[in-house]
Amino acid sequence: MSEFPYLADDSAVEVLRGPEPGGARGAYRAFGETLRGLKTTMARLIEGPLTIQYPEEKTPVYPRFRGRHKLHRFEDSGLEKCVGCSLCAAACPADCIRVVAAENDPEGRVSAGERYAEIYEINLSRCIFCGYCEIACPFDAITMGHDYEMADYDRADLIFTKEMLLADPIERTPLRREGE
């Protein structure tokens, strides 16, 4: 008869446990990892502080850094790439994008599609800079740049309109080179 009456046969697998508390392994776990952490701390103390003088020196960002949003135009025709499909607004988890679409006029086209974004606003005080809007856009109309200096004193100034997003941002943030 099996030790476990609810099992049909002896196919139960014995679970192997870790070492019992105490002994040499327990002492290493208690003190060895602590000493390893202290070694790292002491190595950093020898290096000394690293101070970056912020306004004069900019901290380099990684190439995949997601900063300020930018709307794009076609280079050859100058038409906006955004067709007002609102996929970016639907993908945004923070619900910070507002798109109001309008029909394109055949005489004065704004975008290459049937519609265009009459109103395109991003509330940067709500934005979490996840990049979902960039991924959701089928026309690559919106991208995220490397600019991180967007602080302001008034929340109303953090709502970027279509005209602000179409304007070229000032490139003042250096990029890290590969391997830095």
C-alpha atoms as a PDB file:
ATOM      1  CA  MET A   1       0.000   0.000   0.000  1.00  0.00           C
ATOM      2  CA  SER A   2       1.268   3.455  -0.954  1.00  0.00           C
ATOM      3  CA  GLU A   3       2.074   6.104   1.636  1.00  0.00           C
ATOM      4  CA  PHE A   4      -0.476   8.333  -0.158  1.00  0.00           C
ATOM      5  CA  PRO A   5      -3.808   6.495  -0.470  1.00  0.00           C
ATOM      6  CA  TYR A   6      -5.190   9.018  -2.999  1.00  0.00           C
ATOM      7  CA  LEU A   7      -2.509   8.173  -5.594  1.00  0.00           C
ATOM      8  CA  ALA A   8      -3.328   5.316  -7.950  1.00  0.00           C
ATOM      9  CA  ASP A   9       0.263   4.082  -8.132  1.00  0.00           C
ATOM     10  CA  ASP A  10       3.739   4.869  -6.839  1.00  0.00           C
ATOM     11  CA  SER A  11       4.476   7.482  -9.527  1.00  0.00           C
ATOM     12  CA  ALA A  12       4.823  10.333  -7.028  1.00  0.00           C
ATOM     13  CA  VAL A  13       8.020  12.336  -7.360  1.00  0.00           C
ATOM     14  CA  GLU A  14       9.941  13.279  -4.248  1.00  0.00           C
ATOM     15  CA  VAL A  15      10.684  17.004  -4.073  1.00  0.00           C
ATOM     16  CA  LEU A  16      14.303  17.810  -3.351  1.00  0.00           C
ATOM     17  CA  ARG A  17      14.671  20.661  -0.887  1.00  0.00           C
ATOM     18  CA  GLY A  18      17.564  23.068  -0.464  1.00  0.00           C
ATOM     19  CA  PRO A  19      20.120  22.768   2.285  1.00  0.00           C
ATOM     20  CA  GLU A  20      18.939  22.918   5.855  1.00  0.00           C
ATOM     21  CA  PRO A  21      19.415  26.273   7.576  1.00  0.00           C
ATOM     22  CA  GLY A  22      22.679  26.700   9.443  1.00  0.00           C
ATOM     23  CA  GLY A  23      26.050  25.232   8.714  1.00  0.00           C
ATOM     24  CA  ALA A  24      28.631  26.582   6.257  1.00  0.00           C
ATOM     25  CA  ARG A  25      26.158  27.307   3.450  1.00  0.00           C
ATOM     26  CA  GLY A  26      23.850  29.200   5.775  1.00  0.00           C
ATOM     27  CA  ALA A  27      26.737  31.290   7.074  1.00  0.00           C
ATOM     28  CA  TYR A  28      27.799  32.123   3.506  1.00  0.00           C
ATOM     29  CA  ARG A  29      24.262  33.108   2.621  1.00  0.00           C
ATOM     30  CA  ALA A  30      24.066  35.363   5.657  1.00  0.00           C
ATOM     31  CA  PHE A  31      27.507  36.978   5.520  1.00  0.00           C
ATOM     32  CA  GLY A  32      29.009  36.249   2.103  1.00  0.00           C
ATOM     33  CA  GLU A  33      26.454  38.221   0.119  1.00  0.00           C
ATOM     34  CA  THR A  34      26.660  41.072   2.619  1.00  0.00           C
ATOM     35  CA  LEU A  35      30.437  41.190   2.237  1.00  0.00           C
ATOM     36  CA  ARG A  36      30.091  41.122  -1.547  1.00  0.00           C
ATOM     37  CA  GLY A  37      27.750  44.118  -1.388  1.00  0.00           C
ATOM     38  CA  LEU A  38      30.125  45.977   0.908  1.00  0.00           C
ATOM     39  CA  LYS A  39      32.968  45.283  -1.540  1.00  0.00           C
ATOM     40  CA  THR A  40      30.969  46.939  -4.321  1.00  0.00           C
ATOM     41  CA  THR A  41      30.197  49.906  -2.073  1.00  0.00           C
ATOM     42  CA  MET A  42      33.845  50.367  -1.088  1.00  0.00           C
ATOM     43  CA  ALA A  43      34.939  50.198  -4.732  1.00  0.00           C
ATOM     44  CA  ARG A  44      32.549  53.030  -5.542  1.00  0.00           C
ATOM     45  CA  LEU A  45      33.834  55.108  -2.619  1.00  0.00           C
ATOM     46  CA  ILE A  46      37.369  54.931  -3.988  1.00  0.00           C
ATOM     47  CA  GLU A  47      36.217  56.247  -7.377  1.00  0.00           C
ATOM     48  CA  GLY A  48      34.888  59.437  -5.806  1.00  0.00           C
ATOM     49  CA  PRO A  49      31.763  61.378  -6.707  1.00  0.00           C
ATOM     50  CA  LEU A  50      30.730  61.953 -10.310  1.00  0.00           C
ATOM     51  CA  THR A  51      29.173  65.377 -10.677  1.00  0.00           C
ATOM     52  CA  ILE A  52      27.685  66.654 -13.910  1.00  0.00           C
ATOM     53  CA  GLN A  53      27.238  70.420 -14.138  1.00  0.00           C
ATOM     54  CA  TYR A  54      23.726  70.203 -15.620  1.00  0.00           C
ATOM     55  CA  PRO A  55      22.978  73.349 -17.556  1.00  0.00           C
ATOM     56  CA  GLU A  56      26.428  73.425 -19.122  1.00  0.00           C
ATOM     57  CA  GLU A  57      26.913  69.642 -19.478  1.00  0.00           C
ATOM     58  CA  LYS A  58      24.071  67.499 -20.762  1.00  0.00           C
ATOM     59  CA  THR A  59      23.751  63.880 -19.737  1.00  0.00           C
ATOM     60  CA  PRO A  60      23.935  61.742 -22.871  1.00  0.00           C
ATOM     61  CA  VAL A  61      20.854  59.609 -23.538  1.00  0.00           C
ATOM     62  CA  TYR A  62      20.685  56.189 -25.142  1.00  0.00           C
ATOM     63  CA  PRO A  63      19.595  55.961 -28.808  1.00  0.00           C
ATOM     64  CA  ARG A  64      16.324  54.246 -27.854  1.00  0.00           C
ATOM     65  CA  PHE A  65      15.425  56.973 -25.324  1.00  0.00           C
ATOM     66  CA  ARG A  66      11.854  58.242 -25.734  1.00  0.00           C
ATOM     67  CA  GLY A  67      11.457  61.958 -25.177  1.00  0.00           C
ATOM     68  CA  ARG A  68       9.540  64.769 -26.887  1.00  0.00           C
ATOM     69  CA  HIS A  69       6.920  63.783 -29.495  1.00  0.00           C
ATOM     70  CA  LYS A  70       7.183  64.985 -33.084  1.00  0.00           C
ATOM     71  CA  LEU A  71       4.712  64.911 -35.996  1.00  0.00           C
ATOM     72  CA  HIS A  72       6.197  64.507 -39.459  1.00  0.00           C
ATOM     73  CA  ARG A  73       5.505  65.701 -42.997  1.00  0.00           C
ATOM     74  CA  PHE A  74       6.383  64.085 -46.310  1.00  0.00           C
ATOM     75  CA  GLU A  75       9.673  65.566 -47.521  1.00  0.00           C
ATOM     76  CA  ASP A  76       8.742  65.761 -51.209  1.00  0.00           C
ATOM     77  CA  SER A  77       5.193  67.158 -51.001  1.00  0.00           C
ATOM     78  CA  GLY A  78       5.180  68.796 -47.566  1.00  0.00           C
ATOM     79  CA  LEU A  79       1.859  67.121 -46.699  1.00  0.00           C
ATOM     80  CA  GLU A  80       1.323  65.860 -43.157  1.00  0.00           C
ATOM     81  CA  LYS A  81       1.739  62.135 -42.633  1.00  0.00           C
ATOM     82  CA  CYS A  82      -1.019  62.028 -40.006  1.00  0.00           C
ATOM     83  CA  VAL A  83      -4.389  61.055 -41.506  1.00  0.00           C
ATOM     84  CA  GLY A  84      -6.378  61.434 -38.275  1.00  0.00           C
ATOM     85  CA  CYS A  85      -7.030  57.717 -37.787  1.00  0.00           C
ATOM     86  CA  SER A  86      -6.785  58.061 -33.954  1.00  0.00           C
ATOM     87  CA  LEU A  87      -4.918  54.763 -33.547  1.00  0.00           C
ATOM     88  CA  CYS A  88      -2.322  56.552 -31.426  1.00  0.00           C
ATOM     89  CA  ALA A  89      -5.055  57.862 -29.119  1.00  0.00           C
ATOM     90  CA  ALA A  90      -6.583  54.394 -28.856  1.00  0.00           C
ATOM     91  CA  ALA A  91      -3.212  52.814 -28.001  1.00  0.00           C
ATOM     92  CA  CYS A  92      -2.301  55.405 -25.360  1.00  0.00           C
ATOM     93  CA  PRO A  93      -2.691  53.912 -21.856  1.00  0.00           C
ATOM     94  CA  ALA A  94      -2.604  57.361 -20.212  1.00  0.00           C
ATOM     95  CA  ASP A  95      -5.309  58.771 -22.518  1.00  0.00           C
ATOM     96  CA  CYS A  96      -3.262  61.888 -23.149  1.00  0.00           C
ATOM     97  CA  ILE A  97      -3.684  62.155 -26.941  1.00  0.00           C
ATOM     98  CA  ARG A  98      -6.651  63.940 -28.520  1.00  0.00           C
ATOM     99  CA  VAL A  99      -7.249  63.671 -32.268  1.00  0.00           C
ATOM    100  CA  VAL A 100     -10.135  65.308 -34.105  1.00  0.00           C
ATOM    101  CA  ALA A 101     -10.247  64.311 -37.769  1.00  0.00           C
ATOM    102  CA  ALA A 102     -11.643  66.346 -40.650  1.00  0.00           C
ATOM    103  CA  GLU A 103     -12.184  65.639 -44.345  1.00  0.00           C
ATOM    104  CA  ASN A 104      -9.463  66.721 -46.769  1.00  0.00           C
ATOM    105  CA  ASP A 105     -10.384  69.413 -49.254  1.00  0.00           C
ATOM    106  CA  PRO A 106      -9.310  68.425 -52.816  1.00  0.00           C
ATOM    107  CA  GLU A 107      -8.102  71.979 -53.575  1.00  0.00           C
ATOM    108  CA  GLY A 108      -6.147  72.516 -50.360  1.00  0.00           C
ATOM    109  CA  ARG A 109      -4.927  69.135 -49.174  1.00  0.00           C
ATOM    110  CA  VAL A 110      -3.406  68.895 -45.717  1.00  0.00           C
ATOM    111  CA  SER A 111      -2.491  65.198 -45.680  1.00  0.00           C
ATOM    112  CA  ALA A 112      -2.115  62.431 -48.245  1.00  0.00           C
ATOM    113  CA  GLY A 113      -5.226  60.539 -47.095  1.00  0.00           C
ATOM    114  CA  GLU A 114      -8.950  61.246 -47.265  1.00  0.00           C
ATOM    115  CA  ARG A 115      -8.848  62.829 -43.817  1.00  0.00           C
ATOM    116  CA  TYR A 116      -6.384  64.783 -41.738  1.00  0.00           C
ATOM    117  CA  ALA A 117      -5.985  65.622 -38.069  1.00  0.00           C
ATOM    118  CA  GLU A 118      -7.668  68.997 -37.628  1.00  0.00           C
ATOM    119  CA  ILE A 119      -6.790  68.964 -33.915  1.00  0.00           C
ATOM    120  CA  TYR A 120      -3.895  66.910 -32.560  1.00  0.00           C
ATOM    121  CA  GLU A 121      -2.952  67.489 -28.930  1.00  0.00           C
ATOM    122  CA  ILE A 122      -0.742  65.622 -26.484  1.00  0.00           C
ATOM    123  CA  ASN A 123      -0.991  66.424 -22.790  1.00  0.00           C
ATOM    124  CA  LEU A 124       2.590  65.876 -21.639  1.00  0.00           C
ATOM    125  CA  SER A 125       1.651  66.234 -17.972  1.00  0.00           C
ATOM    126  CA  ARG A 126      -0.255  62.920 -18.359  1.00  0.00           C
ATOM    127  CA  CYS A 127       2.070  61.199 -20.846  1.00  0.00           C
ATOM    128  CA  ILE A 128       4.112  58.266 -19.508  1.00  0.00           C
ATOM    129  CA  PHE A 129       6.435  58.204 -22.563  1.00  0.00           C
ATOM    130  CA  CYS A 130       5.739  54.542 -23.268  1.00  0.00           C
ATOM    131  CA  GLY A 131       6.024  54.844 -27.060  1.00  0.00           C
ATOM    132  CA  TYR A 132       2.764  53.018 -27.819  1.00  0.00           C
ATOM    133  CA  CYS A 133       1.585  55.934 -29.982  1.00  0.00           C
ATOM    134  CA  GLU A 134       4.710  55.601 -32.097  1.00  0.00           C
ATOM    135  CA  ILE A 135       4.200  51.855 -32.492  1.00  0.00           C
ATOM    136  CA  ALA A 136       0.475  52.133 -33.269  1.00  0.00           C
ATOM    137  CA  CYS A 137       0.861  54.688 -36.071  1.00  0.00           C
ATOM    138  CA  PRO A 138       0.713  52.895 -39.449  1.00  0.00           C
ATOM    139  CA  PHE A 139       2.132  55.910 -41.322  1.00  0.00           C
ATOM    140  CA  ASP A 140       5.075  56.764 -39.018  1.00  0.00           C
ATOM    141  CA  ALA A 141       3.499  60.173 -38.539  1.00  0.00           C
ATOM    142  CA  ILE A 142       4.492  60.487 -34.879  1.00  0.00           C
ATOM    143  CA  THR A 143       7.854  59.646 -33.370  1.00  0.00           C
ATOM    144  CA  MET A 144       9.532  60.333 -30.075  1.00  0.00           C
ATOM    145  CA  GLY A 145      12.805  62.233 -30.053  1.00  0.00           C
ATOM    146  CA  HIS A 146      15.614  62.601 -27.546  1.00  0.00           C
ATOM    147  CA  ASP A 147      14.685  65.953 -25.981  1.00  0.00           C
ATOM    148  CA  TYR A 148      14.037  65.664 -22.243  1.00  0.00           C
ATOM    149  CA  GLU A 149      14.045  69.335 -21.274  1.00  0.00           C
ATOM    150  CA  MET A 150      10.301  69.999 -21.329  1.00  0.00           C
ATOM    151  CA  ALA A 151       9.590  71.264 -17.810  1.00  0.00           C
ATOM    152  CA  ASP A 152       7.258  74.205 -17.345  1.00  0.00           C
ATOM    153  CA  TYR A 153       5.568  76.135 -14.548  1.00  0.00           C
ATOM    154  CA  ASP A 154       2.030  75.934 -15.910  1.00  0.00           C
ATOM    155  CA  ARG A 155       0.161  72.739 -16.809  1.00  0.00           C
ATOM    156  CA  ALA A 156      -1.564  74.438 -19.716  1.00  0.00           C
ATOM    157  CA  ASP A 157       1.849  74.946 -21.347  1.00  0.00           C
ATOM    158  CA  LEU A 158       2.419  71.177 -21.312  1.00  0.00           C
ATOM    159  CA  ILE A 159      -0.379  70.570 -23.796  1.00  0.00           C
ATOM    160  CA  PHE A 160       1.421  70.334 -27.135  1.00  0.00           C
ATOM    161  CA  THR A 161      -0.718  71.305 -30.124  1.00  0.00           C
ATOM    162  CA  LYS A 162      -0.381  70.126 -33.702  1.00  0.00           C
ATOM    163  CA  GLU A 163       1.650  73.198 -34.676  1.00  0.00           C
ATOM    164  CA  MET A 164       4.064  72.655 -31.783  1.00  0.00           C
ATOM    165  CA  LEU A 165       4.479  68.977 -32.683  1.00  0.00           C
ATOM    166  CA  LEU A 166       5.103  69.744 -36.362  1.00  0.00           C
ATOM    167  CA  ALA A 167       7.817  72.291 -35.507  1.00  0.00           C
ATOM    168  CA  ASP A 168      11.376  71.021 -35.350  1.00  0.00           C
ATOM    169  CA  PRO A 169      12.572  70.647 -31.746  1.00  0.00           C
ATOM    170  CA  ILE A 170      15.836  72.232 -30.709  1.00  0.00           C
ATOM    171  CA  GLU A 171      18.486  69.493 -30.710  1.00  0.00           C
ATOM    172  CA  ARG A 172      20.313  70.037 -27.451  1.00  0.00           C
ATOM    173  CA  THR A 173      20.556  66.527 -26.020  1.00  0.00           C
ATOM    174  CA  PRO A 174      23.679  64.500 -26.865  1.00  0.00           C
ATOM    175  CA  LEU A 175      23.435  60.801 -27.709  1.00  0.00           C
ATOM    176  CA  ARG A 176      25.585  58.099 -26.174  1.00  0.00           C
ATOM    177  CA  ARG A 177      27.867  56.272 -28.526  1.00  0.00           C
ATOM    178  CA  GLU A 178      27.633  52.514 -28.811  1.00  0.00           C
ATOM    179  CA  GLY A 179      29.496  50.875 -25.945  1.00  0.00           C
ATOM    180  CA  GLU A 180      29.211  53.857 -23.543  1.00  0.00           C
END
